Amino acid sequence: MINRRHFLACSAGAAGSVLLPNGLLAQSGIRLEKLNYFEVCVSDPARSIDFYQAVFGMPVQSRVGNRTFLKIGENNQYLAVRQVQEGETPAITQLGYSVSNYDPEATQAALIAGGFEEIDPPDPTLPGIENPMTTWVRMRGETPTLYFSDARGVIVQLTDPSWCGGSGPLGSACGEPEAVEDGSIALSEINHFTCFVGDGAAANVFYQDFFDLQIQAFQGPGGPVTGIGDGYQFVMYAGGGGGTTPANIHHVSFNMDNFVVDEVLARLEDHGITDRGDRRTGPMMHYISFRMPARGGVEGGTPEVYFTDPDGILMQIQDTSYCGGGGYLGSECLK
């Protein structure tokens, strides 16, 4: 059987270019290297920073305007925390990828050539669905930062792999992170983003084709796991029904060495994060979702640990071998 990715590749060889269903050129030439960033808007930034530092030992890497950048693990990966603005509710507002051979002008030109429209930087509080299929550069001092809003309103930042939320042409001029005590859980890196959008199937196809990404696992027949870079990191788009409902970056997942479910839960509980039980999910709760074979998990369920922060923003923790696939640790993928 010839799958859709193979069909597109064959067509590209035969015709010289491939058009996606919405008329965009396939394979933009932009090579996404890794997940490197996400932003949360919160009701009390000081409280949130204290929380993430106490649990995970995330040091402050930089402060730019109203954003505080916390370093995740030993790689160039960051969590930005900012104050919620009027009309907003606490949420994950945007995500970011590093790009191989990054040049802001050339990368934006590739987006425009692929069907995105260049606009002036919009109000940071606007949902991406207000400006779908657009790209803009926001200046932070003398540092240009490139963004796009996709067709379903997910706002994405693209950066050089050396970016650290600092100054200089690539945002890579940062000092040493501020000293902080070790947290209860030592994170390795960001593992994945999961977004709920109006048409998850189309979103998955767009990212796979436009950025030439591969499926590395399936969480059920309609749940492709789109790999980013190293065979472990990935992004998932879910949801159906179409419409113009604003995209929801549902959760971010971290990974760690020596993942043992009971130990992770105990460490979370040391910080006042309680078992959700039968309650509706609210702030400072944890729960386990067992992904069964119908969703690509192991018999008995692949355990996936979720928790919420002081604003109820949802996060996940898994083992460093987790790739969204089968097996007890979710480490069995299409490699």
C-alpha atoms as a PDB file:
ATOM      1  CA  MET A   1       0.000   0.000   0.000  1.00  0.00           C
ATOM      2  CA  ILE A   2       1.236   3.515  -0.832  1.00  0.00           C
ATOM      3  CA  ASN A   3       0.591   5.874   2.042  1.00  0.00           C
ATOM      4  CA  ARG A   4      -0.057   9.560   1.641  1.00  0.00           C
ATOM      5  CA  ARG A   5       3.486  10.611   2.546  1.00  0.00           C
ATOM      6  CA  HIS A   6       4.919   8.228  -0.061  1.00  0.00           C
ATOM      7  CA  PHE A   7       2.422   9.429  -2.657  1.00  0.00           C
ATOM      8  CA  LEU A   8       3.418  13.053  -2.063  1.00  0.00           C
ATOM      9  CA  ALA A   9       7.093  12.200  -2.337  1.00  0.00           C
ATOM     10  CA  CYS A  10       6.556  10.362  -5.628  1.00  0.00           C
ATOM     11  CA  SER A  11       4.464  13.217  -6.942  1.00  0.00           C
ATOM     12  CA  ALA A  12       7.168  15.696  -6.019  1.00  0.00           C
ATOM     13  CA  GLY A  13       9.706  13.760  -8.002  1.00  0.00           C
ATOM     14  CA  ALA A  14       7.431  13.541 -10.993  1.00  0.00           C
ATOM     15  CA  ALA A  15       6.041  17.061 -11.069  1.00  0.00           C
ATOM     16  CA  GLY A  16       8.732  19.124  -9.330  1.00  0.00           C
ATOM     17  CA  SER A  17       6.425  20.525  -6.644  1.00  0.00           C
ATOM     18  CA  VAL A  18       3.592  19.351  -4.471  1.00  0.00           C
ATOM     19  CA  LEU A  19       0.556  21.272  -3.357  1.00  0.00           C
ATOM     20  CA  LEU A  20      -1.175  20.528  -0.082  1.00  0.00           C
ATOM     21  CA  PRO A  21      -4.990  20.472  -0.100  1.00  0.00           C
ATOM     22  CA  ASN A  22      -5.127  24.168   0.811  1.00  0.00           C
ATOM     23  CA  GLY A  23      -2.752  25.105  -2.001  1.00  0.00           C
ATOM     24  CA  LEU A  24       0.429  25.498   0.081  1.00  0.00           C
ATOM     25  CA  LEU A  25       3.728  24.205  -1.226  1.00  0.00           C
ATOM     26  CA  ALA A  26       4.927  21.045   0.517  1.00  0.00           C
ATOM     27  CA  GLN A  27       8.335  20.918   2.189  1.00  0.00           C
ATOM     28  CA  SER A  28       9.194  24.536   2.889  1.00  0.00           C
ATOM     29  CA  GLY A  29      12.893  23.872   3.353  1.00  0.00           C
ATOM     30  CA  ILE A  30      12.625  24.887   7.021  1.00  0.00           C
ATOM     31  CA  ARG A  31      14.128  22.108   9.116  1.00  0.00           C
ATOM     32  CA  LEU A  32      12.763  21.950  12.646  1.00  0.00           C
ATOM     33  CA  GLU A  33      15.513  20.686  14.927  1.00  0.00           C
ATOM     34  CA  LYS A  34      13.993  20.413  18.428  1.00  0.00           C
ATOM     35  CA  LEU A  35      11.288  21.670  20.736  1.00  0.00           C
ATOM     36  CA  ASN A  36      12.851  24.574  22.584  1.00  0.00           C
ATOM     37  CA  TYR A  37      10.290  26.848  24.206  1.00  0.00           C
ATOM     38  CA  PHE A  38       6.797  27.466  25.468  1.00  0.00           C
ATOM     39  CA  GLU A  39       5.087  30.348  27.247  1.00  0.00           C
ATOM     40  CA  VAL A  40       2.504  30.390  30.012  1.00  0.00           C
ATOM     41  CA  CYS A  41       0.471  33.383  31.107  1.00  0.00           C
ATOM     42  CA  VAL A  42      -0.347  33.116  34.802  1.00  0.00           C
ATOM     43  CA  SER A  43      -2.236  35.017  37.483  1.00  0.00           C
ATOM     44  CA  ASP A  44       0.765  35.411  39.808  1.00  0.00           C
ATOM     45  CA  PRO A  45       4.172  35.135  38.068  1.00  0.00           C
ATOM     46  CA  ALA A  46       6.157  35.137  41.329  1.00  0.00           C
ATOM     47  CA  ARG A  47       4.079  32.243  42.659  1.00  0.00           C
ATOM     48  CA  SER A  48       4.448  30.270  39.434  1.00  0.00           C
ATOM     49  CA  ILE A  49       8.194  30.807  39.254  1.00  0.00           C
ATOM     50  CA  ASP A  50       8.538  29.682  42.878  1.00  0.00           C
ATOM     51  CA  PHE A  51       6.454  26.605  42.059  1.00  0.00           C
ATOM     52  CA  TYR A  52       8.482  25.499  39.031  1.00  0.00           C
ATOM     53  CA  GLN A  53      11.743  26.163  40.810  1.00  0.00           C
ATOM     54  CA  ALA A  54      10.738  24.244  43.911  1.00  0.00           C
ATOM     55  CA  VAL A  55       9.464  21.204  41.998  1.00  0.00           C
ATOM     56  CA  PHE A  56      11.985  21.123  39.142  1.00  0.00           C
ATOM     57  CA  GLY A  57      14.854  23.410  40.095  1.00  0.00           C
ATOM     58  CA  MET A  58      14.441  25.553  36.961  1.00  0.00           C
ATOM     59  CA  PRO A  59      16.874  28.488  37.183  1.00  0.00           C
ATOM     60  CA  VAL A  60      16.072  31.908  35.761  1.00  0.00           C
ATOM     61  CA  GLN A  61      18.021  32.259  32.530  1.00  0.00           C
ATOM     62  CA  SER A  62      16.911  35.753  31.531  1.00  0.00           C
ATOM     63  CA  ARG A  63      14.288  38.430  31.975  1.00  0.00           C
ATOM     64  CA  VAL A  64      12.969  40.261  28.925  1.00  0.00           C
ATOM     65  CA  GLY A  65      10.194  42.811  29.391  1.00  0.00           C
ATOM     66  CA  ASN A  66       7.378  41.129  31.304  1.00  0.00           C
ATOM     67  CA  ARG A  67       8.696  37.609  30.658  1.00  0.00           C
ATOM     68  CA  THR A  68      10.916  35.495  32.872  1.00  0.00           C
ATOM     69  CA  PHE A  69      12.675  32.642  31.101  1.00  0.00           C
ATOM     70  CA  LEU A  70      13.268  29.485  33.153  1.00  0.00           C
ATOM     71  CA  LYS A  71      15.803  26.952  31.913  1.00  0.00           C
ATOM     72  CA  ILE A  72      14.669  23.329  31.522  1.00  0.00           C
ATOM     73  CA  GLY A  73      17.336  20.663  31.960  1.00  0.00           C
ATOM     74  CA  GLU A  74      20.805  21.069  30.475  1.00  0.00           C
ATOM     75  CA  ASN A  75      19.776  21.915  26.912  1.00  0.00           C
ATOM     76  CA  ASN A  76      18.611  25.173  25.350  1.00  0.00           C
ATOM     77  CA  GLN A  77      14.981  24.726  26.331  1.00  0.00           C
ATOM     78  CA  TYR A  78      12.918  27.293  28.187  1.00  0.00           C
ATOM     79  CA  LEU A  79       9.647  28.050  29.906  1.00  0.00           C
ATOM     80  CA  ALA A  80       8.605  31.715  29.706  1.00  0.00           C
ATOM     81  CA  VAL A  81       6.319  33.009  32.456  1.00  0.00           C
ATOM     82  CA  ARG A  82       4.336  36.236  32.086  1.00  0.00           C
ATOM     83  CA  GLN A  83       1.454  38.001  33.809  1.00  0.00           C
ATOM     84  CA  VAL A  84      -2.019  37.290  32.436  1.00  0.00           C
ATOM     85  CA  GLN A  85      -3.501  40.372  30.771  1.00  0.00           C
ATOM     86  CA  GLU A  86      -7.049  41.710  30.671  1.00  0.00           C
ATOM     87  CA  GLY A  87      -9.271  39.371  28.669  1.00  0.00           C
ATOM     88  CA  GLU A  88      -6.907  36.396  29.079  1.00  0.00           C
ATOM     89  CA  THR A  89      -7.142  33.338  31.267  1.00  0.00           C
ATOM     90  CA  PRO A  90      -4.099  31.381  32.461  1.00  0.00           C
ATOM     91  CA  ALA A  91      -2.920  29.090  29.676  1.00  0.00           C
ATOM     92  CA  ILE A  92      -0.079  27.890  27.503  1.00  0.00           C
ATOM     93  CA  THR A  93      -0.066  30.630  24.883  1.00  0.00           C
ATOM     94  CA  GLN A  94       2.620  29.659  22.367  1.00  0.00           C
ATOM     95  CA  LEU A  95       5.272  27.089  21.641  1.00  0.00           C
ATOM     96  CA  GLY A  96       8.629  27.151  19.903  1.00  0.00           C
ATOM     97  CA  TYR A  97      10.979  25.137  17.700  1.00  0.00           C
ATOM     98  CA  SER A  98      14.642  25.583  16.923  1.00  0.00           C
ATOM     99  CA  VAL A  99      15.552  25.626  13.233  1.00  0.00           C
ATOM    100  CA  SER A 100      18.676  24.256  11.569  1.00  0.00           C
ATOM    101  CA  ASN A 101      20.753  26.900   9.762  1.00  0.00           C
ATOM    102  CA  TYR A 102      18.438  29.563  11.130  1.00  0.00           C
ATOM    103  CA  ASP A 103      18.333  33.014   9.596  1.00  0.00           C
ATOM    104  CA  PRO A 104      15.297  35.124  10.536  1.00  0.00           C
ATOM    105  CA  GLU A 105      14.928  36.811   7.150  1.00  0.00           C
ATOM    106  CA  ALA A 106      15.434  33.648   5.115  1.00  0.00           C
ATOM    107  CA  THR A 107      13.174  31.607   7.382  1.00  0.00           C
ATOM    108  CA  GLN A 108      10.385  34.168   7.182  1.00  0.00           C
ATOM    109  CA  ALA A 109      10.822  34.336   3.405  1.00  0.00           C
ATOM    110  CA  ALA A 110      10.317  30.566   3.276  1.00  0.00           C
ATOM    111  CA  LEU A 111       7.112  30.910   5.291  1.00  0.00           C
ATOM    112  CA  ILE A 112       5.838  33.630   2.954  1.00  0.00           C
ATOM    113  CA  ALA A 113       6.743  31.583  -0.122  1.00  0.00           C
ATOM    114  CA  GLY A 114       4.736  28.742   1.400  1.00  0.00           C
ATOM    115  CA  GLY A 115       1.544  30.787   1.777  1.00  0.00           C
ATOM    116  CA  PHE A 116       1.907  32.752   5.006  1.00  0.00           C
ATOM    117  CA  GLU A 117       1.181  36.491   4.954  1.00  0.00           C
ATOM    118  CA  GLU A 118       3.552  38.915   6.651  1.00  0.00           C
ATOM    119  CA  ILE A 119       1.842  41.234   9.149  1.00  0.00           C
ATOM    120  CA  ASP A 120       2.822  43.739  11.824  1.00  0.00           C
ATOM    121  CA  PRO A 121       3.239  42.142  15.259  1.00  0.00           C
ATOM    122  CA  PRO A 122      -0.256  41.643  16.709  1.00  0.00           C
ATOM    123  CA  ASP A 123      -1.295  42.265  20.297  1.00  0.00           C
ATOM    124  CA  PRO A 124       0.359  39.425  22.281  1.00  0.00           C
ATOM    125  CA  THR A 125      -2.949  38.697  24.019  1.00  0.00           C
ATOM    126  CA  LEU A 126      -4.820  37.946  20.775  1.00  0.00           C
ATOM    127  CA  PRO A 127      -5.472  34.259  20.061  1.00  0.00           C
ATOM    128  CA  GLY A 128      -3.742  33.032  16.937  1.00  0.00           C
ATOM    129  CA  ILE A 129      -7.055  32.281  15.235  1.00  0.00           C
ATOM    130  CA  GLU A 130      -7.472  36.052  14.858  1.00  0.00           C
ATOM    131  CA  ASN A 131      -4.510  36.034  12.433  1.00  0.00           C
ATOM    132  CA  PRO A 132      -4.341  32.576  10.824  1.00  0.00           C
ATOM    133  CA  MET A 133      -1.604  31.809   8.299  1.00  0.00           C
ATOM    134  CA  THR A 134       0.422  34.894   9.142  1.00  0.00           C
ATOM    135  CA  THR A 135       4.011  35.563  10.142  1.00  0.00           C
ATOM    136  CA  TRP A 136       5.627  38.481  11.945  1.00  0.00           C
ATOM    137  CA  VAL A 137       8.852  39.612  13.555  1.00  0.00           C
ATOM    138  CA  ARG A 138       8.750  41.118  17.015  1.00  0.00           C
ATOM    139  CA  MET A 139      11.762  43.178  18.034  1.00  0.00           C
ATOM    140  CA  ARG A 140      12.999  42.776  21.598  1.00  0.00           C
ATOM    141  CA  GLY A 141      15.573  45.525  21.744  1.00  0.00           C
ATOM    142  CA  GLU A 142      17.852  44.724  18.814  1.00  0.00           C
ATOM    143  CA  THR A 143      16.883  41.050  18.750  1.00  0.00           C
ATOM    144  CA  PRO A 144      14.375  39.970  16.074  1.00  0.00           C
ATOM    145  CA  THR A 145      12.065  37.107  17.103  1.00  0.00           C
ATOM    146  CA  LEU A 146      10.160  35.294  14.356  1.00  0.00           C
ATOM    147  CA  TYR A 147       6.626  33.938  14.805  1.00  0.00           C
ATOM    148  CA  PHE A 148       3.836  32.432  12.784  1.00  0.00           C
ATOM    149  CA  SER A 149       0.221  31.593  13.481  1.00  0.00           C
ATOM    150  CA  ASP A 150      -0.865  28.454  11.661  1.00  0.00           C
ATOM    151  CA  ALA A 151      -4.195  27.869   9.960  1.00  0.00           C
ATOM    152  CA  ARG A 152      -5.763  26.711  13.216  1.00  0.00           C
ATOM    153  CA  GLY A 153      -4.374  29.458  15.427  1.00  0.00           C
ATOM    154  CA  VAL A 154      -1.391  27.803  17.120  1.00  0.00           C
ATOM    155  CA  ILE A 155       1.250  30.509  17.659  1.00  0.00           C
ATOM    156  CA  VAL A 156       4.782  29.253  17.039  1.00  0.00           C
ATOM    157  CA  GLN A 157       8.160  30.880  17.628  1.00  0.00           C
ATOM    158  CA  LEU A 158      11.097  29.823  15.428  1.00  0.00           C
ATOM    159  CA  THR A 159      14.643  30.361  16.687  1.00  0.00           C
ATOM    160  CA  ASP A 160      18.252  29.384  16.274  1.00  0.00           C
ATOM    161  CA  PRO A 161      19.341  26.345  18.355  1.00  0.00           C
ATOM    162  CA  SER A 162      21.530  28.712  20.401  1.00  0.00           C
ATOM    163  CA  TRP A 163      18.586  30.944  21.415  1.00  0.00           C
ATOM    164  CA  CYS A 164      18.244  31.435  25.170  1.00  0.00           C
ATOM    165  CA  GLY A 165      15.816  34.333  25.417  1.00  0.00           C
ATOM    166  CA  GLY A 166      18.730  36.751  25.490  1.00  0.00           C
ATOM    167  CA  SER A 167      20.121  39.553  23.352  1.00  0.00           C
ATOM    168  CA  GLY A 168      22.159  39.662  20.158  1.00  0.00           C
ATOM    169  CA  PRO A 169      21.045  38.889  16.597  1.00  0.00           C
ATOM    170  CA  LEU A 170      20.015  35.324  17.493  1.00  0.00           C
ATOM    171  CA  GLY A 171      18.840  35.936  21.073  1.00  0.00           C
ATOM    172  CA  SER A 172      21.766  33.797  22.198  1.00  0.00           C
ATOM    173  CA  ALA A 173      23.669  36.251  24.388  1.00  0.00           C
ATOM    174  CA  CYS A 174      22.845  35.147  27.934  1.00  0.00           C
ATOM    175  CA  GLY A 175      24.795  35.093  31.130  1.00  0.00           C
ATOM    176  CA  GLU A 176      24.951  32.201  33.523  1.00  0.00           C
ATOM    177  CA  PRO A 177      21.549  31.102  34.882  1.00  0.00           C
ATOM    178  CA  GLU A 178      20.751  32.446  38.332  1.00  0.00           C
ATOM    179  CA  ALA A 179      21.608  30.077  41.158  1.00  0.00           C
ATOM    180  CA  VAL A 180      18.682  28.015  42.445  1.00  0.00           C
ATOM    181  CA  GLU A 181      18.315  25.063  44.797  1.00  0.00           C
ATOM    182  CA  ASP A 182      17.795  21.631  43.269  1.00  0.00           C
ATOM    183  CA  GLY A 183      14.168  20.714  42.728  1.00  0.00           C
ATOM    184  CA  SER A 184      12.489  17.492  43.772  1.00  0.00           C
ATOM    185  CA  ILE A 185      12.428  16.232  40.171  1.00  0.00           C
ATOM    186  CA  ALA A 186      15.380  16.682  37.804  1.00  0.00           C
ATOM    187  CA  LEU A 187      14.028  17.176  34.292  1.00  0.00           C
ATOM    188  CA  SER A 188      15.896  16.217  31.158  1.00  0.00           C
ATOM    189  CA  GLU A 189      13.996  18.191  28.510  1.00  0.00           C
ATOM    190  CA  ILE A 190      10.683  19.033  26.893  1.00  0.00           C
ATOM    191  CA  ASN A 191       9.286  15.861  25.343  1.00  0.00           C
ATOM    192  CA  HIS A 192       6.156  16.920  23.456  1.00  0.00           C
ATOM    193  CA  PHE A 193       3.354  19.390  22.879  1.00  0.00           C
ATOM    194  CA  THR A 194      -0.290  18.336  22.456  1.00  0.00           C
ATOM    195  CA  CYS A 195      -2.688  20.799  20.809  1.00  0.00           C
ATOM    196  CA  PHE A 196      -6.456  20.584  20.428  1.00  0.00           C
ATOM    197  CA  VAL A 197      -7.632  22.270  17.240  1.00  0.00           C
ATOM    198  CA  GLY A 198     -10.713  22.305  15.020  1.00  0.00           C
ATOM    199  CA  ASP A 199      -9.219  19.794  12.566  1.00  0.00           C
ATOM    200  CA  GLY A 200      -6.448  17.725  14.077  1.00  0.00           C
ATOM    201  CA  ALA A 201      -6.072  15.442  11.054  1.00  0.00           C
ATOM    202  CA  ALA A 202      -5.441  18.362   8.709  1.00  0.00           C
ATOM    203  CA  ALA A 203      -3.060  19.991  11.206  1.00  0.00           C
ATOM    204  CA  ASN A 204      -0.989  16.807  11.401  1.00  0.00           C
ATOM    205  CA  VAL A 205      -0.803  16.585   7.614  1.00  0.00           C
ATOM    206  CA  PHE A 206       0.201  20.244   7.342  1.00  0.00           C
ATOM    207  CA  TYR A 207       3.126  19.973   9.770  1.00  0.00           C
ATOM    208  CA  GLN A 208       4.307  16.679   8.323  1.00  0.00           C
ATOM    209  CA  ASP A 209       4.302  17.998   4.778  1.00  0.00           C
ATOM    210  CA  PHE A 210       5.253  21.653   5.194  1.00  0.00           C
ATOM    211  CA  PHE A 211       8.229  20.883   7.469  1.00  0.00           C
ATOM    212  CA  ASP A 212       8.974  17.407   6.071  1.00  0.00           C
ATOM    213  CA  LEU A 213       8.366  15.663   9.397  1.00  0.00           C
ATOM    214  CA  GLN A 214       7.841  11.946   9.893  1.00  0.00           C
ATOM    215  CA  ILE A 215       5.297   9.973  11.922  1.00  0.00           C
ATOM    216  CA  GLN A 216       7.156   8.160  14.702  1.00  0.00           C
ATOM    217  CA  ALA A 217       4.207   6.379  16.370  1.00  0.00           C
ATOM    218  CA  PHE A 218       0.423   6.064  16.397  1.00  0.00           C
ATOM    219  CA  GLN A 219      -1.785   6.547  19.440  1.00  0.00           C
ATOM    220  CA  GLY A 220      -4.770   4.888  17.821  1.00  0.00           C
ATOM    221  CA  PRO A 221      -5.879   4.914  14.162  1.00  0.00           C
ATOM    222  CA  GLY A 222      -6.451   8.680  14.144  1.00  0.00           C
ATOM    223  CA  GLY A 223      -3.587   9.673  16.418  1.00  0.00           C
ATOM    224  CA  PRO A 224      -0.282  10.068  14.566  1.00  0.00           C
ATOM    225  CA  VAL A 225       2.698  11.183  16.599  1.00  0.00           C
ATOM    226  CA  THR A 226       4.724  13.626  14.493  1.00  0.00           C
ATOM    227  CA  GLY A 227       8.404  13.439  15.401  1.00  0.00           C
ATOM    228  CA  ILE A 228      10.634  16.477  15.820  1.00  0.00           C
ATOM    229  CA  GLY A 229      14.345  15.914  15.430  1.00  0.00           C
ATOM    230  CA  ASP A 230      15.730  13.154  17.618  1.00  0.00           C
ATOM    231  CA  GLY A 231      13.163  10.349  17.513  1.00  0.00           C
ATOM    232  CA  TYR A 232      11.824  11.112  20.989  1.00  0.00           C
ATOM    233  CA  GLN A 233      10.397  14.627  20.852  1.00  0.00           C
ATOM    234  CA  PHE A 234       7.115  15.125  19.033  1.00  0.00           C
ATOM    235  CA  VAL A 235       3.972  17.182  18.566  1.00  0.00           C
ATOM    236  CA  MET A 236       0.393  15.940  18.440  1.00  0.00           C
ATOM    237  CA  TYR A 237      -2.674  17.661  17.005  1.00  0.00           C
ATOM    238  CA  ALA A 238      -6.087  16.339  17.996  1.00  0.00           C
ATOM    239  CA  GLY A 239      -9.705  17.356  17.594  1.00  0.00           C
ATOM    240  CA  GLY A 240     -12.287  17.450  14.852  1.00  0.00           C
ATOM    241  CA  GLY A 241     -15.388  19.191  13.635  1.00  0.00           C
ATOM    242  CA  GLY A 242     -13.705  22.141  11.957  1.00  0.00           C
ATOM    243  CA  GLY A 243     -14.885  25.651  12.763  1.00  0.00           C
ATOM    244  CA  THR A 244     -12.906  28.574  14.105  1.00  0.00           C
ATOM    245  CA  THR A 245     -12.573  27.554  17.744  1.00  0.00           C
ATOM    246  CA  PRO A 246      -9.295  29.005  19.054  1.00  0.00           C
ATOM    247  CA  ALA A 247      -6.499  26.462  19.238  1.00  0.00           C
ATOM    248  CA  ASN A 248      -5.763  25.100  22.685  1.00  0.00           C
ATOM    249  CA  ILE A 249      -2.217  24.041  23.529  1.00  0.00           C
ATOM    250  CA  HIS A 250      -3.599  21.412  25.862  1.00  0.00           C
ATOM    251  CA  HIS A 251      -0.435  20.376  27.648  1.00  0.00           C
ATOM    252  CA  VAL A 252       3.338  20.209  27.563  1.00  0.00           C
ATOM    253  CA  SER A 253       5.210  17.075  28.566  1.00  0.00           C
ATOM    254  CA  PHE A 254       8.636  16.915  30.207  1.00  0.00           C
ATOM    255  CA  ASN A 255      10.838  13.858  30.531  1.00  0.00           C
ATOM    256  CA  MET A 256      13.216  12.643  33.201  1.00  0.00           C
ATOM    257  CA  ASP A 257      15.629   9.819  33.932  1.00  0.00           C
ATOM    258  CA  ASN A 258      14.568   6.935  36.188  1.00  0.00           C
ATOM    259  CA  PHE A 259      10.838   7.496  35.769  1.00  0.00           C
ATOM    260  CA  VAL A 260       8.991   5.529  38.458  1.00  0.00           C
ATOM    261  CA  VAL A 261       5.319   6.440  38.737  1.00  0.00           C
ATOM    262  CA  ASP A 262       4.924   6.140  42.515  1.00  0.00           C
ATOM    263  CA  GLU A 263       8.114   8.110  43.160  1.00  0.00           C
ATOM    264  CA  VAL A 264       7.076  10.893  40.780  1.00  0.00           C
ATOM    265  CA  LEU A 265       3.659  11.173  42.440  1.00  0.00           C
ATOM    266  CA  ALA A 266       5.217  11.225  45.895  1.00  0.00           C
ATOM    267  CA  ARG A 267       7.526  14.077  44.915  1.00  0.00           C
ATOM    268  CA  LEU A 268       4.631  16.028  43.449  1.00  0.00           C
ATOM    269  CA  GLU A 269       2.643  15.497  46.629  1.00  0.00           C
ATOM    270  CA  ASP A 270       5.552  16.898  48.657  1.00  0.00           C
ATOM    271  CA  HIS A 271       4.660  20.231  47.011  1.00  0.00           C
ATOM    272  CA  GLY A 272       0.943  20.099  47.738  1.00  0.00           C
ATOM    273  CA  ILE A 273      -0.142  18.534  44.445  1.00  0.00           C
ATOM    274  CA  THR A 274      -2.916  16.136  45.445  1.00  0.00           C
ATOM    275  CA  ASP A 275      -4.509  13.125  43.807  1.00  0.00           C
ATOM    276  CA  ARG A 276      -7.419  14.279  41.648  1.00  0.00           C
ATOM    277  CA  GLY A 277      -9.464  11.191  42.379  1.00  0.00           C
ATOM    278  CA  ASP A 278     -13.019  11.594  41.054  1.00  0.00           C
ATOM    279  CA  ARG A 279     -12.906  15.387  41.116  1.00  0.00           C
ATOM    280  CA  ARG A 280     -12.873  17.691  38.122  1.00  0.00           C
ATOM    281  CA  THR A 281      -9.300  18.678  37.314  1.00  0.00           C
ATOM    282  CA  GLY A 282      -8.290  21.900  39.050  1.00  0.00           C
ATOM    283  CA  PRO A 283      -5.105  23.579  40.224  1.00  0.00           C
ATOM    284  CA  MET A 284      -2.440  21.531  42.007  1.00  0.00           C
ATOM    285  CA  MET A 285      -3.733  18.064  41.173  1.00  0.00           C
ATOM    286  CA  HIS A 286      -2.196  14.952  39.654  1.00  0.00           C
ATOM    287  CA  TYR A 287      -3.601  11.884  37.937  1.00  0.00           C
ATOM    288  CA  ILE A 288      -2.508   8.912  35.817  1.00  0.00           C
ATOM    289  CA  SER A 289      -3.924   8.115  32.381  1.00  0.00           C
ATOM    290  CA  PHE A 290      -3.343   4.526  31.264  1.00  0.00           C
ATOM    291  CA  ARG A 291      -2.977   4.445  27.475  1.00  0.00           C
ATOM    292  CA  MET A 292      -4.378   1.092  26.380  1.00  0.00           C
ATOM    293  CA  PRO A 293      -3.529  -0.950  23.238  1.00  0.00           C
ATOM    294  CA  ALA A 294      -6.320   0.708  21.239  1.00  0.00           C
ATOM    295  CA  ARG A 295      -4.332   3.939  21.650  1.00  0.00           C
ATOM    296  CA  GLY A 296      -0.928   2.409  21.042  1.00  0.00           C
ATOM    297  CA  GLY A 297      -0.168   1.527  24.664  1.00  0.00           C
ATOM    298  CA  VAL A 298       0.779  -1.730  26.346  1.00  0.00           C
ATOM    299  CA  GLU A 299      -1.582  -4.363  27.739  1.00  0.00           C
ATOM    300  CA  GLY A 300      -2.720  -3.033  31.104  1.00  0.00           C
ATOM    301  CA  GLY A 301      -1.934   0.515  30.028  1.00  0.00           C
ATOM    302  CA  THR A 302       1.121   2.697  29.442  1.00  0.00           C
ATOM    303  CA  PRO A 303       1.084   5.019  32.493  1.00  0.00           C
ATOM    304  CA  GLU A 304       1.134   8.732  31.695  1.00  0.00           C
ATOM    305  CA  VAL A 305       1.509  11.112  34.641  1.00  0.00           C
ATOM    306  CA  TYR A 306      -0.234  14.492  34.534  1.00  0.00           C
ATOM    307  CA  PHE A 307      -0.282  17.361  36.996  1.00  0.00           C
ATOM    308  CA  THR A 308      -1.541  20.930  37.136  1.00  0.00           C
ATOM    309  CA  ASP A 309       0.254  24.021  38.367  1.00  0.00           C
ATOM    310  CA  PRO A 310      -1.143  26.769  40.673  1.00  0.00           C
ATOM    311  CA  ASP A 311      -3.272  28.130  37.797  1.00  0.00           C
ATOM    312  CA  GLY A 312      -4.520  24.713  36.683  1.00  0.00           C
ATOM    313  CA  ILE A 313      -2.257  24.602  33.599  1.00  0.00           C
ATOM    314  CA  LEU A 314      -1.760  20.969  32.606  1.00  0.00           C
ATOM    315  CA  MET A 315       1.676  19.310  32.308  1.00  0.00           C
ATOM    316  CA  GLN A 316       2.881  15.734  31.832  1.00  0.00           C
ATOM    317  CA  ILE A 317       5.999  13.845  32.969  1.00  0.00           C
ATOM    318  CA  GLN A 318       7.456  10.723  31.319  1.00  0.00           C
ATOM    319  CA  ASP A 319      10.683   8.778  31.037  1.00  0.00           C
ATOM    320  CA  THR A 320      13.495  10.052  28.776  1.00  0.00           C
ATOM    321  CA  SER A 321      12.854   7.036  26.530  1.00  0.00           C
ATOM    322  CA  TYR A 322       9.208   8.044  25.966  1.00  0.00           C
ATOM    323  CA  CYS A 323       8.510   8.672  22.286  1.00  0.00           C
ATOM    324  CA  GLY A 324       4.711   8.449  22.311  1.00  0.00           C
ATOM    325  CA  GLY A 325       4.704   4.778  21.366  1.00  0.00           C
ATOM    326  CA  GLY A 326       4.033   1.385  22.893  1.00  0.00           C
ATOM    327  CA  GLY A 327       5.576  -0.516  25.768  1.00  0.00           C
ATOM    328  CA  TYR A 328       5.328   0.253  29.461  1.00  0.00           C
ATOM    329  CA  LEU A 329       7.435   3.418  29.132  1.00  0.00           C
ATOM    330  CA  GLY A 330       5.939   4.435  25.793  1.00  0.00           C
ATOM    331  CA  SER A 331       9.360   3.897  24.223  1.00  0.00           C
ATOM    332  CA  GLU A 332       8.498   1.556  21.343  1.00  0.00           C
ATOM    333  CA  CYS A 333       8.236   3.696  18.197  1.00  0.00           C
ATOM    334  CA  LEU A 334       8.747   3.447  14.442  1.00  0.00           C
ATOM    335  CA  LYS A 335      12.520   3.929  14.373  1.00  0.00           C
END
